């Protein structure tokens, strides 16, 4: 694994281990995940598995992360300004509670 990828993964792990940070810091987490997305084709199978595990943690914490971010920013506006790709689902956490409700029904 190259140093940049390792550093990004380490930062994501640390952030998910301490989700009580500010919304601004969690916006940085979304950016880190986007930077990892651009490197996914270069990941080994082990690294890919690690990222999938982190994504599951990310999803399980979606309500908390969304609440913190919405205290400081509008995710829809941030997506628009940053031209976020639809495949970068972590930028769409504000829509996940609605999806959870639809699945439950």
PDB file of N, CA and C in Angstrom:
ATOM      1  N   UNK A   1       0.859  -1.180   0.000  1.00  0.00           N
ATOM      2  CA  UNK A   1       0.000   0.000   0.000  1.00  0.00           C
ATOM      3  C   UNK A   1       0.896   1.232   0.000  1.00  0.00           C
ATOM      4  N   UNK A   2       0.522   2.186  -0.806  1.00  0.00           N
ATOM      5  CA  UNK A   2       1.312   3.413  -0.824  1.00  0.00           C
ATOM      6  C   UNK A   2       0.991   4.269   0.407  1.00  0.00           C
ATOM      7  N   UNK A   3       1.873   5.206   0.692  1.00  0.00           N
ATOM      8  CA  UNK A   3       1.756   6.023   1.910  1.00  0.00           C
ATOM      9  C   UNK A   3       0.501   6.884   1.911  1.00  0.00           C
ATOM     10  N   UNK A   4       0.138   7.424   0.769  1.00  0.00           N
ATOM     11  CA  UNK A   4      -1.036   8.303   0.724  1.00  0.00           C
ATOM     12  C   UNK A   4      -2.296   7.519   1.062  1.00  0.00           C
ATOM     13  N   UNK A   5      -2.453   6.352   0.444  1.00  0.00           N
ATOM     14  CA  UNK A   5      -3.626   5.525   0.720  1.00  0.00           C
ATOM     15  C   UNK A   5      -3.662   5.120   2.184  1.00  0.00           C
ATOM     16  N   UNK A   6      -2.524   4.702   2.716  1.00  0.00           N
ATOM     17  CA  UNK A   6      -2.462   4.302   4.124  1.00  0.00           C
ATOM     18  C   UNK A   6      -2.854   5.458   5.034  1.00  0.00           C
ATOM     19  N   UNK A   7      -2.352   6.643   4.725  1.00  0.00           N
ATOM     20  CA  UNK A   7      -2.682   7.810   5.547  1.00  0.00           C
ATOM     21  C   UNK A   7      -4.181   8.116   5.481  1.00  0.00           C
ATOM     22  N   UNK A   8      -4.762   8.035   4.293  1.00  0.00           N
ATOM     23  CA  UNK A   8      -6.200   8.281   4.154  1.00  0.00           C
ATOM     24  C   UNK A   8      -7.013   7.250   4.936  1.00  0.00           C
ATOM     25  N   UNK A   9      -6.635   5.978   4.822  1.00  0.00           N
ATOM     26  CA  UNK A   9      -7.339   4.927   5.573  1.00  0.00           C
ATOM     27  C   UNK A   9      -7.187   5.144   7.072  1.00  0.00           C
ATOM     28  N   UNK A  10      -5.986   5.484   7.510  1.00  0.00           N
ATOM     29  CA  UNK A  10      -5.761   5.734   8.936  1.00  0.00           C
ATOM     30  C   UNK A  10      -6.610   6.909   9.430  1.00  0.00           C
ATOM     31  N   UNK A  11      -6.685   7.961   8.626  1.00  0.00           N
ATOM     32  CA  UNK A  11      -7.503   9.122   9.004  1.00  0.00           C
ATOM     33  C   UNK A  11      -8.980   8.749   9.089  1.00  0.00           C
ATOM     34  N   UNK A  12      -9.441   7.930   8.158  1.00  0.00           N
ATOM     35  CA  UNK A  12     -10.836   7.505   8.180  1.00  0.00           C
ATOM     36  C   UNK A  12     -11.113   6.640   9.408  1.00  0.00           C
ATOM     37  N   UNK A  13     -10.215   5.729   9.720  1.00  0.00           N
ATOM     38  CA  UNK A  13     -10.366   4.881  10.905  1.00  0.00           C
ATOM     39  C   UNK A  13     -10.432   5.735  12.165  1.00  0.00           C
ATOM     40  N   UNK A  14      -9.507   6.668  12.289  1.00  0.00           N
ATOM     41  CA  UNK A  14      -9.475   7.539  13.468  1.00  0.00           C
ATOM     42  C   UNK A  14     -10.757   8.343  13.591  1.00  0.00           C
ATOM     43  N   UNK A  15     -11.238   8.857  12.486  1.00  0.00           N
ATOM     44  CA  UNK A  15     -12.455   9.670  12.504  1.00  0.00           C
ATOM     45  C   UNK A  15     -13.666   8.857  12.925  1.00  0.00           C
ATOM     46  N   UNK A  16     -13.753   7.628  12.431  1.00  0.00           N
ATOM     47  CA  UNK A  16     -14.893   6.784  12.790  1.00  0.00           C
ATOM     48  C   UNK A  16     -14.783   6.286  14.227  1.00  0.00           C
ATOM     49  N   UNK A  17     -13.580   6.246  14.754  1.00  0.00           N
ATOM     50  CA  UNK A  17     -13.394   5.872  16.156  1.00  0.00           C
ATOM     51  C   UNK A  17     -13.780   7.011  17.096  1.00  0.00           C
ATOM     52  N   UNK A  18     -13.828   8.244  16.582  1.00  0.00           N
ATOM     53  CA  UNK A  18     -14.137   9.423  17.395  1.00  0.00           C
ATOM     54  C   UNK A  18     -15.180  10.287  16.676  1.00  0.00           C
ATOM     55  N   UNK A  19     -16.405   9.790  16.552  1.00  0.00           N
ATOM     56  CA  UNK A  19     -17.417  10.503  15.770  1.00  0.00           C
ATOM     57  C   UNK A  19     -17.983  11.750  16.460  1.00  0.00           C
ATOM     58  N   UNK A  20     -17.589  12.019  17.678  1.00  0.00           N
ATOM     59  CA  UNK A  20     -18.134  13.157  18.409  1.00  0.00           C
ATOM     60  C   UNK A  20     -17.488  14.480  18.049  1.00  0.00           C
ATOM     61  N   UNK A  21     -16.774  14.515  16.939  1.00  0.00           N
ATOM     62  CA  UNK A  21     -16.113  15.745  16.515  1.00  0.00           C
ATOM     63  C   UNK A  21     -17.128  16.694  15.883  1.00  0.00           C
ATOM     64  N   UNK A  22     -16.676  17.858  15.483  1.00  0.00           N
ATOM     65  CA  UNK A  22     -17.580  18.861  14.918  1.00  0.00           C
ATOM     66  C   UNK A  22     -18.034  18.467  13.514  1.00  0.00           C
ATOM     67  N   UNK A  23     -19.088  19.117  13.078  1.00  0.00           N
ATOM     68  CA  UNK A  23     -19.588  18.913  11.728  1.00  0.00           C
ATOM     69  C   UNK A  23     -18.563  19.276  10.674  1.00  0.00           C
ATOM     70  N   UNK A  24     -17.765  20.306  10.947  1.00  0.00           N
ATOM     71  CA  UNK A  24     -16.720  20.700   9.999  1.00  0.00           C
ATOM     72  C   UNK A  24     -15.703  19.578   9.822  1.00  0.00           C
ATOM     73  N   UNK A  25     -15.334  18.940  10.929  1.00  0.00           N
ATOM     74  CA  UNK A  25     -14.382  17.834  10.855  1.00  0.00           C
ATOM     75  C   UNK A  25     -15.002  16.634  10.132  1.00  0.00           C
ATOM     76  N   UNK A  26     -16.289  16.426  10.309  1.00  0.00           N
ATOM     77  CA  UNK A  26     -16.955  15.323   9.618  1.00  0.00           C
ATOM     78  C   UNK A  26     -17.083  15.599   8.123  1.00  0.00           C
ATOM     79  N   UNK A  27     -17.193  16.868   7.741  1.00  0.00           N
ATOM     80  CA  UNK A  27     -17.155  17.199   6.313  1.00  0.00           C
ATOM     81  C   UNK A  27     -15.804  16.798   5.721  1.00  0.00           C
ATOM     82  N   UNK A  28     -14.759  16.970   6.492  1.00  0.00           N
ATOM     83  CA  UNK A  28     -13.435  16.543   6.055  1.00  0.00           C
ATOM     84  C   UNK A  28     -13.392  15.027   5.884  1.00  0.00           C
ATOM     85  N   UNK A  29     -14.116  14.299   6.732  1.00  0.00           N
ATOM     86  CA  UNK A  29     -14.187  12.842   6.620  1.00  0.00           C
ATOM     87  C   UNK A  29     -14.827  12.455   5.282  1.00  0.00           C
ATOM     88  N   UNK A  30     -15.866  13.175   4.887  1.00  0.00           N
ATOM     89  CA  UNK A  30     -16.501  12.900   3.590  1.00  0.00           C
ATOM     90  C   UNK A  30     -15.503  13.122   2.457  1.00  0.00           C
ATOM     91  N   UNK A  31     -14.714  14.162   2.589  1.00  0.00           N
ATOM     92  CA  UNK A  31     -13.693  14.446   1.583  1.00  0.00           C
ATOM     93  C   UNK A  31     -12.627  13.348   1.551  1.00  0.00           C
ATOM     94  N   UNK A  32     -12.224  12.873   2.715  1.00  0.00           N
ATOM     95  CA  UNK A  32     -11.241  11.785   2.783  1.00  0.00           C
ATOM     96  C   UNK A  32     -11.787  10.552   2.075  1.00  0.00           C
ATOM     97  N   UNK A  33     -13.058  10.247   2.327  1.00  0.00           N
ATOM     98  CA  UNK A  33     -13.651   9.056   1.682  1.00  0.00           C
ATOM     99  C   UNK A  33     -13.693   9.242   0.172  1.00  0.00           C
ATOM    100  N   UNK A  34     -13.943  10.463  -0.291  1.00  0.00           N
ATOM    101  CA  UNK A  34     -13.940  10.727  -1.737  1.00  0.00           C
ATOM    102  C   UNK A  34     -12.537  10.549  -2.316  1.00  0.00           C
ATOM    103  N   UNK A  35     -11.541  10.982  -1.596  1.00  0.00           N
ATOM    104  CA  UNK A  35     -10.160  10.806  -2.073  1.00  0.00           C
ATOM    105  C   UNK A  35      -9.805   9.318  -2.127  1.00  0.00           C
ATOM    106  N   UNK A  36     -10.313   8.543  -1.176  1.00  0.00           N
ATOM    107  CA  UNK A  36     -10.092   7.096  -1.217  1.00  0.00           C
ATOM    108  C   UNK A  36     -10.816   6.468  -2.414  1.00  0.00           C
ATOM    109  N   UNK A  37     -11.972   6.981  -2.755  1.00  0.00           N
ATOM    110  CA  UNK A  37     -12.734   6.439  -3.885  1.00  0.00           C
ATOM    111  C   UNK A  37     -11.922   6.526  -5.173  1.00  0.00           C
ATOM    112  N   UNK A  38     -11.201   7.611  -5.337  1.00  0.00           N
ATOM    113  CA  UNK A  38     -10.401   7.761  -6.555  1.00  0.00           C
ATOM    114  C   UNK A  38      -9.222   6.788  -6.583  1.00  0.00           C
ATOM    115  N   UNK A  39      -8.875   6.230  -5.440  1.00  0.00           N
ATOM    116  CA  UNK A  39      -7.746   5.302  -5.345  1.00  0.00           C
ATOM    117  C   UNK A  39      -8.206   3.840  -5.307  1.00  0.00           C
ATOM    118  N   UNK A  40      -9.515   3.600  -5.272  1.00  0.00           N
ATOM    119  CA  UNK A  40     -10.029   2.232  -5.133  1.00  0.00           C
ATOM    120  C   UNK A  40      -9.487   1.256  -6.175  1.00  0.00           C
ATOM    121  N   UNK A  41      -9.329   1.653  -7.438  1.00  0.00           N
ATOM    122  CA  UNK A  41      -8.796   0.687  -8.411  1.00  0.00           C
ATOM    123  C   UNK A  41      -7.380   0.197  -8.066  1.00  0.00           C
ATOM    124  N   UNK A  42      -6.676   0.935  -7.251  1.00  0.00           N
ATOM    125  CA  UNK A  42      -5.300   0.581  -6.887  1.00  0.00           C
ATOM    126  C   UNK A  42      -5.215  -0.251  -5.616  1.00  0.00           C
ATOM    127  N   UNK A  43      -6.338  -0.436  -4.919  1.00  0.00           N
ATOM    128  CA  UNK A  43      -6.329  -1.136  -3.634  1.00  0.00           C
ATOM    129  C   UNK A  43      -6.166  -2.638  -3.818  1.00  0.00           C
ATOM    130  N   UNK A  44      -5.456  -3.237  -2.889  1.00  0.00           N
ATOM    131  CA  UNK A  44      -5.353  -4.697  -2.855  1.00  0.00           C
ATOM    132  C   UNK A  44      -6.683  -5.259  -2.335  1.00  0.00           C
ATOM    133  N   UNK A  45      -6.830  -6.566  -2.414  1.00  0.00           N
ATOM    134  CA  UNK A  45      -8.050  -7.197  -1.896  1.00  0.00           C
ATOM    135  C   UNK A  45      -8.205  -6.925  -0.404  1.00  0.00           C
ATOM    136  N   UNK A  46      -7.110  -6.988   0.331  1.00  0.00           N
ATOM    137  CA  UNK A  46      -7.155  -6.740   1.776  1.00  0.00           C
ATOM    138  C   UNK A  46      -7.569  -5.296   2.063  1.00  0.00           C
ATOM    139  N   UNK A  47      -7.013  -4.356   1.330  1.00  0.00           N
ATOM    140  CA  UNK A  47      -7.357  -2.944   1.520  1.00  0.00           C
ATOM    141  C   UNK A  47      -8.811  -2.680   1.147  1.00  0.00           C
ATOM    142  N   UNK A  48      -9.259  -3.336   0.101  1.00  0.00           N
ATOM    143  CA  UNK A  48     -10.654  -3.192  -0.330  1.00  0.00           C
ATOM    144  C   UNK A  48     -11.597  -3.714   0.755  1.00  0.00           C
ATOM    145  N   UNK A  49     -11.244  -4.835   1.343  1.00  0.00           N
ATOM    146  CA  UNK A  49     -12.041  -5.399   2.436  1.00  0.00           C
ATOM    147  C   UNK A  49     -12.060  -4.445   3.628  1.00  0.00           C
ATOM    148  N   UNK A  50     -10.911  -3.869   3.944  1.00  0.00           N
ATOM    149  CA  UNK A  50     -10.829  -2.907   5.045  1.00  0.00           C
ATOM    150  C   UNK A  50     -11.731  -1.698   4.766  1.00  0.00           C
ATOM    151  N   UNK A  51     -11.713  -1.213   3.539  1.00  0.00           N
ATOM    152  CA  UNK A  51     -12.542  -0.063   3.179  1.00  0.00           C
ATOM    153  C   UNK A  51     -14.027  -0.422   3.246  1.00  0.00           C
ATOM    154  N   UNK A  52     -14.389  -1.623   2.818  1.00  0.00           N
ATOM    155  CA  UNK A  52     -15.777  -2.064   2.912  1.00  0.00           C
ATOM    156  C   UNK A  52     -16.237  -2.128   4.366  1.00  0.00           C
ATOM    157  N   UNK A  53     -15.372  -2.601   5.246  1.00  0.00           N
ATOM    158  CA  UNK A  53     -15.687  -2.632   6.679  1.00  0.00           C
ATOM    159  C   UNK A  53     -15.892  -1.212   7.211  1.00  0.00           C
ATOM    160  N   UNK A  54     -15.021  -0.300   6.797  1.00  0.00           N
ATOM    161  CA  UNK A  54     -15.160   1.098   7.220  1.00  0.00           C
ATOM    162  C   UNK A  54     -16.455   1.705   6.680  1.00  0.00           C
ATOM    163  N   UNK A  55     -16.814   1.353   5.463  1.00  0.00           N
ATOM    164  CA  UNK A  55     -18.063   1.853   4.892  1.00  0.00           C
ATOM    165  C   UNK A  55     -19.273   1.368   5.690  1.00  0.00           C
ATOM    166  N   UNK A  56     -19.229   0.112   6.134  1.00  0.00           N
ATOM    167  CA  UNK A  56     -20.328  -0.405   6.961  1.00  0.00           C
ATOM    168  C   UNK A  56     -20.432   0.373   8.266  1.00  0.00           C
ATOM    169  N   UNK A  57     -19.286   0.674   8.872  1.00  0.00           N
ATOM    170  CA  UNK A  57     -19.287   1.486  10.105  1.00  0.00           C
ATOM    171  C   UNK A  57     -19.849   2.871   9.807  1.00  0.00           C
ATOM    172  N   UNK A  58     -19.420   3.437   8.700  1.00  0.00           N
ATOM    173  CA  UNK A  58     -19.878   4.756   8.270  1.00  0.00           C
ATOM    174  C   UNK A  58     -21.407   4.760   8.171  1.00  0.00           C
ATOM    175  N   UNK A  59     -21.958   3.748   7.512  1.00  0.00           N
ATOM    176  CA  UNK A  59     -23.413   3.657   7.365  1.00  0.00           C
ATOM    177  C   UNK A  59     -24.120   3.479   8.699  1.00  0.00           C
ATOM    178  N   UNK A  60     -23.536   2.687   9.578  1.00  0.00           N
ATOM    179  CA  UNK A  60     -24.174   2.459  10.872  1.00  0.00           C
ATOM    180  C   UNK A  60     -24.208   3.733  11.711  1.00  0.00           C
ATOM    181  N   UNK A  61     -23.325   4.668  11.402  1.00  0.00           N
ATOM    182  CA  UNK A  61     -23.247   5.923  12.142  1.00  0.00           C
ATOM    183  C   UNK A  61     -23.873   7.081  11.368  1.00  0.00           C
ATOM    184  N   UNK A  62     -24.583   6.778  10.304  1.00  0.00           N
ATOM    185  CA  UNK A  62     -25.068   7.820   9.401  1.00  0.00           C
ATOM    186  C   UNK A  62     -25.934   8.878  10.095  1.00  0.00           C
ATOM    187  N   UNK A  63     -26.789   8.468  11.018  1.00  0.00           N
ATOM    188  CA  UNK A  63     -27.646   9.443  11.705  1.00  0.00           C
ATOM    189  C   UNK A  63     -26.822  10.449  12.510  1.00  0.00           C
ATOM    190  N   UNK A  64     -25.864   9.945  13.269  1.00  0.00           N
ATOM    191  CA  UNK A  64     -25.013  10.817  14.077  1.00  0.00           C
ATOM    192  C   UNK A  64     -24.186  11.751  13.192  1.00  0.00           C
ATOM    193  N   UNK A  65     -23.572  11.194  12.166  1.00  0.00           N
ATOM    194  CA  UNK A  65     -22.737  11.998  11.268  1.00  0.00           C
ATOM    195  C   UNK A  65     -23.573  13.075  10.583  1.00  0.00           C
ATOM    196  N   UNK A  66     -24.741  12.688  10.103  1.00  0.00           N
ATOM    197  CA  UNK A  66     -25.612  13.654   9.428  1.00  0.00           C
ATOM    198  C   UNK A  66     -26.034  14.766  10.369  1.00  0.00           C
ATOM    199  N   UNK A  67     -26.441  14.413  11.564  1.00  0.00           N
ATOM    200  CA  UNK A  67     -26.863  15.431  12.530  1.00  0.00           C
ATOM    201  C   UNK A  67     -25.751  16.435  12.806  1.00  0.00           C
ATOM    202  N   UNK A  68     -24.542  15.935  12.990  1.00  0.00           N
ATOM    203  CA  UNK A  68     -23.400  16.828  13.271  1.00  0.00           C
ATOM    204  C   UNK A  68     -23.116  17.748  12.096  1.00  0.00           C
ATOM    205  N   UNK A  69     -23.132  17.184  10.890  1.00  0.00           N
ATOM    206  CA  UNK A  69     -22.847  17.998   9.704  1.00  0.00           C
ATOM    207  C   UNK A  69     -23.934  19.040   9.492  1.00  0.00           C
ATOM    208  N   UNK A  70     -25.190  18.647   9.684  1.00  0.00           N
ATOM    209  CA  UNK A  70     -26.296  19.578   9.448  1.00  0.00           C
ATOM    210  C   UNK A  70     -26.307  20.738  10.443  1.00  0.00           C
ATOM    211  N   UNK A  71     -25.575  20.591  11.535  1.00  0.00           N
ATOM    212  CA  UNK A  71     -25.426  21.711  12.478  1.00  0.00           C
ATOM    213  C   UNK A  71     -24.609  22.852  11.871  1.00  0.00           C
ATOM    214  N   UNK A  72     -23.758  22.523  10.895  1.00  0.00           N
ATOM    215  CA  UNK A  72     -22.839  23.530  10.349  1.00  0.00           C
ATOM    216  C   UNK A  72     -22.965  23.748   8.842  1.00  0.00           C
ATOM    217  N   UNK A  73     -23.656  22.843   8.134  1.00  0.00           N
ATOM    218  CA  UNK A  73     -23.712  22.969   6.679  1.00  0.00           C
ATOM    219  C   UNK A  73     -24.937  22.257   6.121  1.00  0.00           C
ATOM    220  N   UNK A  74     -25.305  22.659   4.944  1.00  0.00           N
ATOM    221  CA  UNK A  74     -26.383  22.013   4.190  1.00  0.00           C
ATOM    222  C   UNK A  74     -25.717  21.023   3.231  1.00  0.00           C
ATOM    223  N   UNK A  75     -25.939  19.736   3.454  1.00  0.00           N
ATOM    224  CA  UNK A  75     -25.280  18.726   2.621  1.00  0.00           C
ATOM    225  C   UNK A  75     -25.651  18.860   1.152  1.00  0.00           C
ATOM    226  N   UNK A  76     -26.904  19.185   0.876  1.00  0.00           N
ATOM    227  CA  UNK A  76     -27.324  19.366  -0.512  1.00  0.00           C
ATOM    228  C   UNK A  76     -26.540  20.476  -1.189  1.00  0.00           C
ATOM    229  N   UNK A  77     -26.365  21.570  -0.485  1.00  0.00           N
ATOM    230  CA  UNK A  77     -25.596  22.693  -1.026  1.00  0.00           C
ATOM    231  C   UNK A  77     -24.125  22.322  -1.187  1.00  0.00           C
ATOM    232  N   UNK A  78     -23.578  21.597  -0.224  1.00  0.00           N
ATOM    233  CA  UNK A  78     -22.181  21.174  -0.312  1.00  0.00           C
ATOM    234  C   UNK A  78     -21.959  20.245  -1.513  1.00  0.00           C
ATOM    235  N   UNK A  79     -22.896  19.334  -1.738  1.00  0.00           N
ATOM    236  CA  UNK A  79     -22.799  18.436  -2.894  1.00  0.00           C
ATOM    237  C   UNK A  79     -22.805  19.236  -4.192  1.00  0.00           C
ATOM    238  N   UNK A  80     -23.704  20.201  -4.237  1.00  0.00           N
ATOM    239  CA  UNK A  80     -23.852  21.022  -5.439  1.00  0.00           C
ATOM    240  C   UNK A  80     -22.575  21.822  -5.710  1.00  0.00           C
ATOM    241  N   UNK A  81     -22.071  22.486  -4.689  1.00  0.00           N
ATOM    242  CA  UNK A  81     -20.856  23.300  -4.842  1.00  0.00           C
ATOM    243  C   UNK A  81     -19.637  22.474  -5.214  1.00  0.00           C
ATOM    244  N   UNK A  82     -19.576  21.261  -4.687  1.00  0.00           N
ATOM    245  CA  UNK A  82     -18.396  20.418  -4.905  1.00  0.00           C
ATOM    246  C   UNK A  82     -18.558  19.478  -6.099  1.00  0.00           C
ATOM    247  N   UNK A  83     -19.728  19.529  -6.754  1.00  0.00           N
ATOM    248  CA  UNK A  83     -19.989  18.657  -7.911  1.00  0.00           C
ATOM    249  C   UNK A  83     -19.746  17.191  -7.552  1.00  0.00           C
ATOM    250  N   UNK A  84     -20.356  16.771  -6.458  1.00  0.00           N
ATOM    251  CA  UNK A  84     -20.171  15.411  -5.943  1.00  0.00           C
ATOM    252  C   UNK A  84     -20.846  14.407  -6.866  1.00  0.00           C
ATOM    253  N   UNK A  85     -20.121  13.350  -7.161  1.00  0.00           N
ATOM    254  CA  UNK A  85     -20.656  12.277  -7.989  1.00  0.00           C
ATOM    255  C   UNK A  85     -21.723  11.487  -7.230  1.00  0.00           C
ATOM    256  N   UNK A  86     -22.767  11.041  -7.911  1.00  0.00           N
ATOM    257  CA  UNK A  86     -23.795  10.227  -7.238  1.00  0.00           C
ATOM    258  C   UNK A  86     -23.232   8.934  -6.644  1.00  0.00           C
ATOM    259  N   UNK A  87     -22.155   8.428  -7.216  1.00  0.00           N
ATOM    260  CA  UNK A  87     -21.559   7.192  -6.688  1.00  0.00           C
ATOM    261  C   UNK A  87     -20.876   7.401  -5.343  1.00  0.00           C
ATOM    262  N   UNK A  88     -20.680   8.640  -4.943  1.00  0.00           N
ATOM    263  CA  UNK A  88     -20.074   8.945  -3.642  1.00  0.00           C
ATOM    264  C   UNK A  88     -21.194   9.055  -2.602  1.00  0.00           C
ATOM    265  N   UNK A  89     -21.758   7.893  -2.257  1.00  0.00           N
ATOM    266  CA  UNK A  89     -22.942   7.808  -1.404  1.00  0.00           C
ATOM    267  C   UNK A  89     -22.753   8.481  -0.049  1.00  0.00           C
ATOM    268  N   UNK A  90     -21.527   8.540   0.452  1.00  0.00           N
ATOM    269  CA  UNK A  90     -21.260   9.135   1.772  1.00  0.00           C
ATOM    270  C   UNK A  90     -21.629  10.616   1.809  1.00  0.00           C
ATOM    271  N   UNK A  91     -21.732  11.259   0.666  1.00  0.00           N
ATOM    272  CA  UNK A  91     -22.162  12.656   0.618  1.00  0.00           C
ATOM    273  C   UNK A  91     -23.688  12.771   0.648  1.00  0.00           C
ATOM    274  N   UNK A  92     -24.376  11.640   0.624  1.00  0.00           N
ATOM    275  CA  UNK A  92     -25.842  11.615   0.586  1.00  0.00           C
ATOM    276  C   UNK A  92     -26.417  11.020   1.861  1.00  0.00           C
ATOM    277  N   UNK A  93     -25.678  11.124   2.956  1.00  0.00           N
ATOM    278  CA  UNK A  93     -26.132  10.549   4.222  1.00  0.00           C
ATOM    279  C   UNK A  93     -27.453  11.141   4.681  1.00  0.00           C
ATOM    280  N   UNK A  94     -27.742  12.365   4.274  1.00  0.00           N
ATOM    281  CA  UNK A  94     -28.994  12.991   4.690  1.00  0.00           C
ATOM    282  C   UNK A  94     -30.204  12.295   4.081  1.00  0.00           C
ATOM    283  N   UNK A  95     -30.023  11.473   3.073  1.00  0.00           N
ATOM    284  CA  UNK A  95     -31.123  10.721   2.478  1.00  0.00           C
ATOM    285  C   UNK A  95     -31.252   9.312   3.022  1.00  0.00           C
ATOM    286  N   UNK A  96     -30.288   8.868   3.797  1.00  0.00           N
ATOM    287  CA  UNK A  96     -30.290   7.496   4.303  1.00  0.00           C
ATOM    288  C   UNK A  96     -31.423   7.221   5.286  1.00  0.00           C
ATOM    289  N   UNK A  97     -31.775   8.139   6.211  1.00  0.00           N
ATOM    290  CA  UNK A  97     -32.903   7.828   7.107  1.00  0.00           C
ATOM    291  C   UNK A  97     -34.198   7.539   6.350  1.00  0.00           C
ATOM    292  N   UNK A  98     -34.448   8.263   5.248  1.00  0.00           N
ATOM    293  CA  UNK A  98     -35.644   8.008   4.456  1.00  0.00           C
ATOM    294  C   UNK A  98     -35.576   6.620   3.830  1.00  0.00           C
ATOM    295  N   UNK A  99     -34.401   6.211   3.384  1.00  0.00           N
ATOM    296  CA  UNK A  99     -34.241   4.895   2.807  1.00  0.00           C
ATOM    297  C   UNK A  99     -34.484   3.826   3.868  1.00  0.00           C
ATOM    298  N   UNK A 100     -33.954   4.038   5.072  1.00  0.00           N
ATOM    299  CA  UNK A 100     -34.171   3.084   6.172  1.00  0.00           C
ATOM    300  C   UNK A 100     -35.664   2.941   6.468  1.00  0.00           C
ATOM    301  N   UNK A 101     -36.406   4.061   6.455  1.00  0.00           N
ATOM    302  CA  UNK A 101     -37.833   4.004   6.730  1.00  0.00           C
ATOM    303  C   UNK A 101     -38.563   3.215   5.641  1.00  0.00           C
ATOM    304  N   UNK A 102     -38.199   3.445   4.377  1.00  0.00           N
ATOM    305  CA  UNK A 102     -38.852   2.747   3.269  1.00  0.00           C
ATOM    306  C   UNK A 102     -38.589   1.256   3.345  1.00  0.00           C
ATOM    307  N   UNK A 103     -37.373   0.868   3.713  1.00  0.00           N
ATOM    308  CA  UNK A 103     -37.022  -0.537   3.830  1.00  0.00           C
ATOM    309  C   UNK A 103     -37.788  -1.182   4.975  1.00  0.00           C
ATOM    310  N   UNK A 104     -37.964  -0.454   6.070  1.00  0.00           N
ATOM    311  CA  UNK A 104     -38.685  -0.990   7.230  1.00  0.00           C
ATOM    312  C   UNK A 104     -40.155  -1.232   6.927  1.00  0.00           C
ATOM    313  N   UNK A 105     -40.743  -0.419   6.049  1.00  0.00           N
ATOM    314  CA  UNK A 105     -42.155  -0.568   5.703  1.00  0.00           C
ATOM    315  C   UNK A 105     -42.297  -1.676   4.727  1.00  0.00           C
TER     316      UNK A 105
END
